[in-house]
Amino acid sequence: MTPEKRPRQQIDLLLQQSGWIVQDRSGINLSAGPGVAIREALLKTGEADYLLFAGAKSAVNDPTLEHHGALSTG
């Protein structure tokens, strides 16, 4: 197992336990439910670990922000 795989599995589990539907970027369905988390989403500025969609709004974990784990919303 790669060093990134175990934390991703733990994050996926926590998101699912919190009611999020976790999807790969290759199979995005934003209509799957009220909260959709996309793994390794591609952005104009690079790749986000997770891109979260709650209704019509999105939030992204952006590792380039000053504080690790900070979220930007749009």
C-alpha atoms as a PDB file:
ATOM      1  CA  MET A   1       0.000   0.000   0.000  1.00  0.00           C
ATOM      2  CA  THR A   2       1.379   3.416  -0.961  1.00  0.00           C
ATOM      3  CA  PRO A   3       1.942   6.020   1.775  1.00  0.00           C
ATOM      4  CA  GLU A   4      -0.987   8.077   0.398  1.00  0.00           C
ATOM      5  CA  LYS A   5      -3.441   5.174   0.160  1.00  0.00           C
ATOM      6  CA  ARG A   6      -4.006   4.497   3.887  1.00  0.00           C
ATOM      7  CA  PRO A   7      -4.846   8.137   4.804  1.00  0.00           C
ATOM      8  CA  ARG A   8      -7.128   8.378   1.755  1.00  0.00           C
ATOM      9  CA  GLN A   9      -9.000   5.254   2.876  1.00  0.00           C
ATOM     10  CA  GLN A  10      -9.414   6.755   6.342  1.00  0.00           C
ATOM     11  CA  ILE A  11     -10.611  10.080   4.930  1.00  0.00           C
ATOM     12  CA  ASP A  12     -13.029   8.275   2.588  1.00  0.00           C
ATOM     13  CA  LEU A  13     -14.457   6.341   5.540  1.00  0.00           C
ATOM     14  CA  LEU A  14     -14.866   9.480   7.662  1.00  0.00           C
ATOM     15  CA  LEU A  15     -16.545  11.332   4.804  1.00  0.00           C
ATOM     16  CA  GLN A  16     -18.917   8.407   4.176  1.00  0.00           C
ATOM     17  CA  GLN A  17     -19.749   8.122   7.876  1.00  0.00           C
ATOM     18  CA  SER A  18     -20.595  11.833   7.802  1.00  0.00           C
ATOM     19  CA  GLY A  19     -23.035  11.356   4.938  1.00  0.00           C
ATOM     20  CA  TRP A  20     -20.838  12.312   1.969  1.00  0.00           C
ATOM     21  CA  ILE A  21     -20.921  10.273  -1.243  1.00  0.00           C
ATOM     22  CA  VAL A  22     -17.269   9.748  -2.222  1.00  0.00           C
ATOM     23  CA  GLN A  23     -16.483   9.420  -5.935  1.00  0.00           C
ATOM     24  CA  ASP A  24     -13.452   9.161  -8.210  1.00  0.00           C
ATOM     25  CA  ARG A  25     -12.927  12.008 -10.654  1.00  0.00           C
ATOM     26  CA  SER A  26     -13.428   9.546 -13.528  1.00  0.00           C
ATOM     27  CA  GLY A  27     -17.042   8.924 -12.502  1.00  0.00           C
ATOM     28  CA  ILE A  28     -18.481  12.198 -11.215  1.00  0.00           C
ATOM     29  CA  ASN A  29     -22.221  12.347 -10.549  1.00  0.00           C
ATOM     30  CA  LEU A  30     -23.070  15.509  -8.624  1.00  0.00           C
ATOM     31  CA  SER A  31     -26.734  14.452  -8.568  1.00  0.00           C
ATOM     32  CA  ALA A  32     -25.902  11.358  -6.481  1.00  0.00           C
ATOM     33  CA  GLY A  33     -26.868  13.151  -3.279  1.00  0.00           C
ATOM     34  CA  PRO A  34     -26.755  16.387  -1.311  1.00  0.00           C
ATOM     35  CA  GLY A  35     -23.062  15.984  -0.433  1.00  0.00           C
ATOM     36  CA  VAL A  36     -20.544  14.668  -2.984  1.00  0.00           C
ATOM     37  CA  ALA A  37     -16.778  14.399  -2.402  1.00  0.00           C
ATOM     38  CA  ILE A  38     -14.562  13.993  -5.479  1.00  0.00           C
ATOM     39  CA  ARG A  39     -11.144  12.371  -4.920  1.00  0.00           C
ATOM     40  CA  GLU A  40      -8.084  13.923  -6.615  1.00  0.00           C
ATOM     41  CA  ALA A  41     -10.107  16.537  -8.483  1.00  0.00           C
ATOM     42  CA  LEU A  42      -8.389  18.463 -11.247  1.00  0.00           C
ATOM     43  CA  LEU A  43      -8.399  22.247 -10.980  1.00  0.00           C
ATOM     44  CA  LYS A  44      -6.875  24.997 -13.115  1.00  0.00           C
ATOM     45  CA  THR A  45      -4.171  25.412 -10.474  1.00  0.00           C
ATOM     46  CA  GLY A  46      -3.418  21.706 -10.019  1.00  0.00           C
ATOM     47  CA  GLU A  47      -4.950  18.785  -8.171  1.00  0.00           C
ATOM     48  CA  ALA A  48      -7.034  18.893  -4.978  1.00  0.00           C
ATOM     49  CA  ASP A  49      -7.071  15.935  -2.609  1.00  0.00           C
ATOM     50  CA  TYR A  50     -10.851  16.288  -2.298  1.00  0.00           C
ATOM     51  CA  LEU A  51     -13.369  18.624  -3.886  1.00  0.00           C
ATOM     52  CA  LEU A  52     -16.570  18.779  -1.845  1.00  0.00           C
ATOM     53  CA  PHE A  53     -19.945  19.696  -3.327  1.00  0.00           C
ATOM     54  CA  ALA A  54     -22.800  20.516  -0.948  1.00  0.00           C
ATOM     55  CA  GLY A  55     -25.830  21.435  -2.989  1.00  0.00           C
ATOM     56  CA  ALA A  56     -24.723  23.971  -5.582  1.00  0.00           C
ATOM     57  CA  LYS A  57     -21.642  25.121  -3.635  1.00  0.00           C
ATOM     58  CA  SER A  58     -18.138  23.662  -3.687  1.00  0.00           C
ATOM     59  CA  ALA A  59     -15.195  23.694  -1.291  1.00  0.00           C
ATOM     60  CA  VAL A  60     -11.697  22.491  -2.058  1.00  0.00           C
ATOM     61  CA  ASN A  61      -8.828  21.359   0.150  1.00  0.00           C
ATOM     62  CA  ASP A  62      -6.033  23.457  -1.348  1.00  0.00           C
ATOM     63  CA  PRO A  63      -2.519  22.440  -0.230  1.00  0.00           C
ATOM     64  CA  THR A  64      -1.100  25.697  -1.617  1.00  0.00           C
ATOM     65  CA  LEU A  65      -2.934  27.770   0.995  1.00  0.00           C
ATOM     66  CA  GLU A  66      -0.926  29.104   3.922  1.00  0.00           C
ATOM     67  CA  HIS A  67      -2.521  26.764   6.461  1.00  0.00           C
ATOM     68  CA  HIS A  68      -2.460  23.065   5.549  1.00  0.00           C
ATOM     69  CA  GLY A  69      -5.972  21.705   5.226  1.00  0.00           C
ATOM     70  CA  ALA A  70      -7.556  25.134   4.745  1.00  0.00           C
ATOM     71  CA  LEU A  71     -10.658  25.238   2.599  1.00  0.00           C
ATOM     72  CA  SER A  72     -11.567  27.717  -0.081  1.00  0.00           C
ATOM     73  CA  THR A  73     -15.173  27.928  -1.187  1.00  0.00           C
ATOM     74  CA  GLY A  74     -16.922  28.968  -4.350  1.00  0.00           C
END
